[in-house]
Amino acid sequence: MSRASVYTRQPLRLSTRRSKLAVVQTEGIWDSLQRLLPSGTFEIEALHTLGDKDKSTALYDFGQKSLWTADLEEKLTLGQLDVVVHCLRDMPTSIPDSCDL
Protein backbone atom coordinates (compact mmCIF):
# COMPACT_ATOMS: atom_id res chain seq x y z
CA MET A 1 0.00 0.00 0.00
CA SER A 2 1.43 3.38 -0.93
CA ARG A 3 1.72 6.21 1.56
CA ALA A 4 -0.82 8.26 -0.40
CA SER A 5 -3.50 5.57 -0.16
CA VAL A 6 -3.33 5.59 3.64
CA TYR A 7 -4.91 9.05 3.80
CA THR A 8 -7.68 8.58 1.27
CA ARG A 9 -9.87 6.36 3.47
CA GLN A 10 -9.96 8.20 6.79
CA PRO A 11 -9.45 11.93 7.24
CA LEU A 12 -6.11 12.83 8.79
CA ARG A 13 -7.07 14.80 11.90
CA LEU A 14 -4.86 17.84 12.49
CA SER A 15 -5.29 19.72 15.72
CA THR A 16 -4.01 22.89 17.31
CA ARG A 17 -4.91 25.56 19.82
CA ARG A 18 -7.73 27.86 18.84
CA SER A 19 -5.52 30.95 18.75
CA LYS A 20 -5.40 32.83 15.46
CA LEU A 21 -1.66 32.19 14.97
CA ALA A 22 -1.99 28.46 15.71
CA VAL A 23 -4.88 28.08 13.27
CA VAL A 24 -2.98 29.94 10.52
CA GLN A 25 0.06 27.69 11.07
CA THR A 26 -2.13 24.58 10.92
CA GLU A 27 -3.81 25.78 7.73
CA GLY A 28 -0.31 26.07 6.23
CA ILE A 29 0.37 22.43 7.13
CA TRP A 30 -3.04 21.47 5.68
CA ASP A 31 -2.16 23.26 2.42
CA SER A 32 1.18 21.43 2.22
CA LEU A 33 -0.47 18.07 2.84
CA GLN A 34 -3.08 18.77 0.13
CA ARG A 35 -0.27 19.47 -2.34
CA LEU A 36 1.61 16.28 -1.34
CA LEU A 37 -1.48 14.07 -1.24
CA PRO A 38 -4.18 15.64 -3.44
CA SER A 39 -6.52 12.67 -2.98
CA GLY A 40 -6.17 12.83 0.80
CA THR A 41 -8.76 14.11 3.23
CA PHE A 42 -7.66 16.34 6.08
CA GLU A 43 -9.58 17.92 8.95
CA ILE A 44 -8.53 20.70 11.32
CA GLU A 45 -9.80 20.67 14.89
CA ALA A 46 -8.96 23.80 16.87
CA LEU A 47 -9.26 23.32 20.64
CA HIS A 48 -9.15 25.48 23.72
CA THR A 49 -6.34 24.27 25.98
CA LEU A 50 -5.92 24.80 29.72
CA GLY A 51 -3.88 27.92 29.07
CA ASP A 52 -6.70 29.29 26.91
CA LYS A 53 -9.55 28.36 29.26
CA ASP A 54 -8.24 29.76 32.56
CA LYS A 55 -7.88 33.51 32.11
CA SER A 56 -7.67 34.35 35.83
CA THR A 57 -4.68 32.28 37.02
CA ALA A 58 -1.26 33.86 36.52
CA LEU A 59 0.90 31.78 34.17
CA TYR A 60 3.56 31.24 36.87
CA ASP A 61 0.88 29.73 39.17
CA PHE A 62 -0.09 26.92 36.78
CA GLY A 63 2.87 24.81 37.88
CA GLN A 64 3.24 23.03 34.56
CA LYS A 65 5.07 23.99 31.41
CA SER A 66 2.67 22.26 29.07
CA LEU A 67 -0.49 24.23 29.80
CA TRP A 68 -0.73 25.08 26.07
CA THR A 69 -0.05 21.54 24.82
CA ALA A 70 -1.09 18.96 27.47
CA ASP A 71 -4.72 18.71 26.29
CA LEU A 72 -3.60 18.25 22.68
CA GLU A 73 -0.95 15.65 23.61
CA GLU A 74 -3.51 13.69 25.63
CA LYS A 75 -5.92 13.50 22.67
CA LEU A 76 -3.04 12.54 20.37
CA THR A 77 -1.93 9.76 22.73
CA LEU A 78 -5.51 8.46 22.99
CA GLY A 79 -5.77 8.30 19.18
CA GLN A 80 -8.43 11.02 19.00
CA LEU A 81 -6.09 13.11 16.81
CA ASP A 82 -3.43 12.18 14.27
CA VAL A 83 -1.20 15.27 14.26
CA VAL A 84 -0.78 18.23 16.61
CA VAL A 85 0.53 21.48 15.13
CA HIS A 86 2.04 23.82 17.66
CA CYS A 87 4.54 26.67 17.64
CA LEU A 88 7.87 25.33 18.89
CA ARG A 89 8.32 28.49 20.93
CA ASP A 90 5.55 27.29 23.27
CA MET A 91 6.68 23.66 23.52
CA PRO A 92 7.89 22.33 26.87
CA THR A 93 11.46 21.10 27.07
CA SER A 94 10.19 17.55 27.47
CA ILE A 95 7.25 15.81 25.82
CA PRO A 96 5.53 12.49 26.61
CA ASP A 97 7.44 9.39 25.45
CA SER A 98 4.51 8.53 23.18
CA CYS A 99 4.95 11.76 21.17
CA ASP A 100 7.64 12.70 18.62
CA LEU A 101 8.85 16.17 17.83
C-alpha atoms as a PDB file:
ATOM      1  CA  MET A   1       0.000   0.000   0.000  1.00  0.00           C
ATOM      2  CA  SER A   2       1.433   3.384  -0.926  1.00  0.00           C
ATOM      3  CA  ARG A   3       1.723   6.207   1.556  1.00  0.00           C
ATOM      4  CA  ALA A   4      -0.818   8.263  -0.398  1.00  0.00           C
ATOM      5  CA  SER A   5      -3.499   5.570  -0.165  1.00  0.00           C
ATOM      6  CA  VAL A   6      -3.326   5.588   3.638  1.00  0.00           C
ATOM      7  CA  TYR A   7      -4.906   9.053   3.804  1.00  0.00           C
ATOM      8  CA  THR A   8      -7.678   8.577   1.274  1.00  0.00           C
ATOM      9  CA  ARG A   9      -9.874   6.362   3.470  1.00  0.00           C
ATOM     10  CA  GLN A  10      -9.958   8.195   6.790  1.00  0.00           C
ATOM     11  CA  PRO A  11      -9.450  11.928   7.243  1.00  0.00           C
ATOM     12  CA  LEU A  12      -6.107  12.828   8.786  1.00  0.00           C
ATOM     13  CA  ARG A  13      -7.070  14.801  11.896  1.00  0.00           C
ATOM     14  CA  LEU A  14      -4.865  17.845  12.491  1.00  0.00           C
ATOM     15  CA  SER A  15      -5.291  19.725  15.723  1.00  0.00           C
ATOM     16  CA  THR A  16      -4.013  22.888  17.307  1.00  0.00           C
ATOM     17  CA  ARG A  17      -4.909  25.558  19.824  1.00  0.00           C
ATOM     18  CA  ARG A  18      -7.732  27.860  18.844  1.00  0.00           C
ATOM     19  CA  SER A  19      -5.518  30.952  18.749  1.00  0.00           C
ATOM     20  CA  LYS A  20      -5.398  32.826  15.456  1.00  0.00           C
ATOM     21  CA  LEU A  21      -1.659  32.194  14.972  1.00  0.00           C
ATOM     22  CA  ALA A  22      -1.992  28.463  15.711  1.00  0.00           C
ATOM     23  CA  VAL A  23      -4.883  28.081  13.271  1.00  0.00           C
ATOM     24  CA  VAL A  24      -2.983  29.936  10.515  1.00  0.00           C
ATOM     25  CA  GLN A  25       0.057  27.685  11.066  1.00  0.00           C
ATOM     26  CA  THR A  26      -2.134  24.583  10.921  1.00  0.00           C
ATOM     27  CA  GLU A  27      -3.814  25.780   7.732  1.00  0.00           C
ATOM     28  CA  GLY A  28      -0.312  26.067   6.232  1.00  0.00           C
ATOM     29  CA  ILE A  29       0.369  22.429   7.127  1.00  0.00           C
ATOM     30  CA  TRP A  30      -3.036  21.473   5.682  1.00  0.00           C
ATOM     31  CA  ASP A  31      -2.161  23.255   2.418  1.00  0.00           C
ATOM     32  CA  SER A  32       1.181  21.426   2.221  1.00  0.00           C
ATOM     33  CA  LEU A  33      -0.474  18.067   2.844  1.00  0.00           C
ATOM     34  CA  GLN A  34      -3.077  18.771   0.129  1.00  0.00           C
ATOM     35  CA  ARG A  35      -0.268  19.467  -2.343  1.00  0.00           C
ATOM     36  CA  LEU A  36       1.613  16.285  -1.340  1.00  0.00           C
ATOM     37  CA  LEU A  37      -1.478  14.065  -1.244  1.00  0.00           C
ATOM     38  CA  PRO A  38      -4.184  15.642  -3.444  1.00  0.00           C
ATOM     39  CA  SER A  39      -6.519  12.672  -2.983  1.00  0.00           C
ATOM     40  CA  GLY A  40      -6.168  12.828   0.802  1.00  0.00           C
ATOM     41  CA  THR A  41      -8.760  14.111   3.230  1.00  0.00           C
ATOM     42  CA  PHE A  42      -7.657  16.343   6.077  1.00  0.00           C
ATOM     43  CA  GLU A  43      -9.577  17.923   8.951  1.00  0.00           C
ATOM     44  CA  ILE A  44      -8.531  20.696  11.315  1.00  0.00           C
ATOM     45  CA  GLU A  45      -9.796  20.668  14.888  1.00  0.00           C
ATOM     46  CA  ALA A  46      -8.961  23.796  16.870  1.00  0.00           C
ATOM     47  CA  LEU A  47      -9.260  23.318  20.639  1.00  0.00           C
ATOM     48  CA  HIS A  48      -9.149  25.480  23.721  1.00  0.00           C
ATOM     49  CA  THR A  49      -6.338  24.271  25.976  1.00  0.00           C
ATOM     50  CA  LEU A  50      -5.924  24.797  29.723  1.00  0.00           C
ATOM     51  CA  GLY A  51      -3.882  27.922  29.072  1.00  0.00           C
ATOM     52  CA  ASP A  52      -6.699  29.288  26.909  1.00  0.00           C
ATOM     53  CA  LYS A  53      -9.552  28.362  29.262  1.00  0.00           C
ATOM     54  CA  ASP A  54      -8.238  29.763  32.558  1.00  0.00           C
ATOM     55  CA  LYS A  55      -7.884  33.506  32.107  1.00  0.00           C
ATOM     56  CA  SER A  56      -7.670  34.351  35.827  1.00  0.00           C
ATOM     57  CA  THR A  57      -4.677  32.281  37.022  1.00  0.00           C
ATOM     58  CA  ALA A  58      -1.263  33.861  36.522  1.00  0.00           C
ATOM     59  CA  LEU A  59       0.905  31.779  34.173  1.00  0.00           C
ATOM     60  CA  TYR A  60       3.560  31.239  36.867  1.00  0.00           C
ATOM     61  CA  ASP A  61       0.883  29.735  39.166  1.00  0.00           C
ATOM     62  CA  PHE A  62      -0.089  26.920  36.784  1.00  0.00           C
ATOM     63  CA  GLY A  63       2.870  24.812  37.885  1.00  0.00           C
ATOM     64  CA  GLN A  64       3.244  23.031  34.556  1.00  0.00           C
ATOM     65  CA  LYS A  65       5.074  23.992  31.408  1.00  0.00           C
ATOM     66  CA  SER A  66       2.666  22.258  29.070  1.00  0.00           C
ATOM     67  CA  LEU A  67      -0.490  24.227  29.798  1.00  0.00           C
ATOM     68  CA  TRP A  68      -0.728  25.081  26.072  1.00  0.00           C
ATOM     69  CA  THR A  69      -0.050  21.537  24.825  1.00  0.00           C
ATOM     70  CA  ALA A  70      -1.089  18.964  27.468  1.00  0.00           C
ATOM     71  CA  ASP A  71      -4.721  18.714  26.291  1.00  0.00           C
ATOM     72  CA  LEU A  72      -3.603  18.253  22.683  1.00  0.00           C
ATOM     73  CA  GLU A  73      -0.949  15.654  23.614  1.00  0.00           C
ATOM     74  CA  GLU A  74      -3.507  13.693  25.630  1.00  0.00           C
ATOM     75  CA  LYS A  75      -5.921  13.497  22.667  1.00  0.00           C
ATOM     76  CA  LEU A  76      -3.035  12.540  20.375  1.00  0.00           C
ATOM     77  CA  THR A  77      -1.927   9.758  22.734  1.00  0.00           C
ATOM     78  CA  LEU A  78      -5.511   8.459  22.986  1.00  0.00           C
ATOM     79  CA  GLY A  79      -5.770   8.303  19.182  1.00  0.00           C
ATOM     80  CA  GLN A  80      -8.428  11.023  19.001  1.00  0.00           C
ATOM     81  CA  LEU A  81      -6.093  13.112  16.812  1.00  0.00           C
ATOM     82  CA  ASP A  82      -3.429  12.178  14.269  1.00  0.00           C
ATOM     83  CA  VAL A  83      -1.203  15.271  14.258  1.00  0.00           C
ATOM     84  CA  VAL A  84      -0.782  18.231  16.609  1.00  0.00           C
ATOM     85  CA  VAL A  85       0.529  21.478  15.129  1.00  0.00           C
ATOM     86  CA  HIS A  86       2.038  23.822  17.659  1.00  0.00           C
ATOM     87  CA  CYS A  87       4.540  26.668  17.636  1.00  0.00           C
ATOM     88  CA  LEU A  88       7.867  25.327  18.891  1.00  0.00           C
ATOM     89  CA  ARG A  89       8.316  28.493  20.926  1.00  0.00           C
ATOM     90  CA  ASP A  90       5.545  27.293  23.271  1.00  0.00           C
ATOM     91  CA  MET A  91       6.680  23.665  23.523  1.00  0.00           C
ATOM     92  CA  PRO A  92       7.889  22.334  26.870  1.00  0.00           C
ATOM     93  CA  THR A  93      11.458  21.097  27.072  1.00  0.00           C
ATOM     94  CA  SER A  94      10.193  17.550  27.470  1.00  0.00           C
ATOM     95  CA  ILE A  95       7.249  15.810  25.817  1.00  0.00           C
ATOM     96  CA  PRO A  96       5.534  12.491  26.605  1.00  0.00           C
ATOM     97  CA  ASP A  97       7.437   9.393  25.450  1.00  0.00           C
ATOM     98  CA  SER A  98       4.512   8.529  23.178  1.00  0.00           C
ATOM     99  CA  CYS A  99       4.946  11.764  21.167  1.00  0.00           C
ATOM    100  CA  ASP A 100       7.641  12.700  18.622  1.00  0.00           C
ATOM    101  CA  LEU A 101       8.848  16.169  17.834  1.00  0.00           C
END
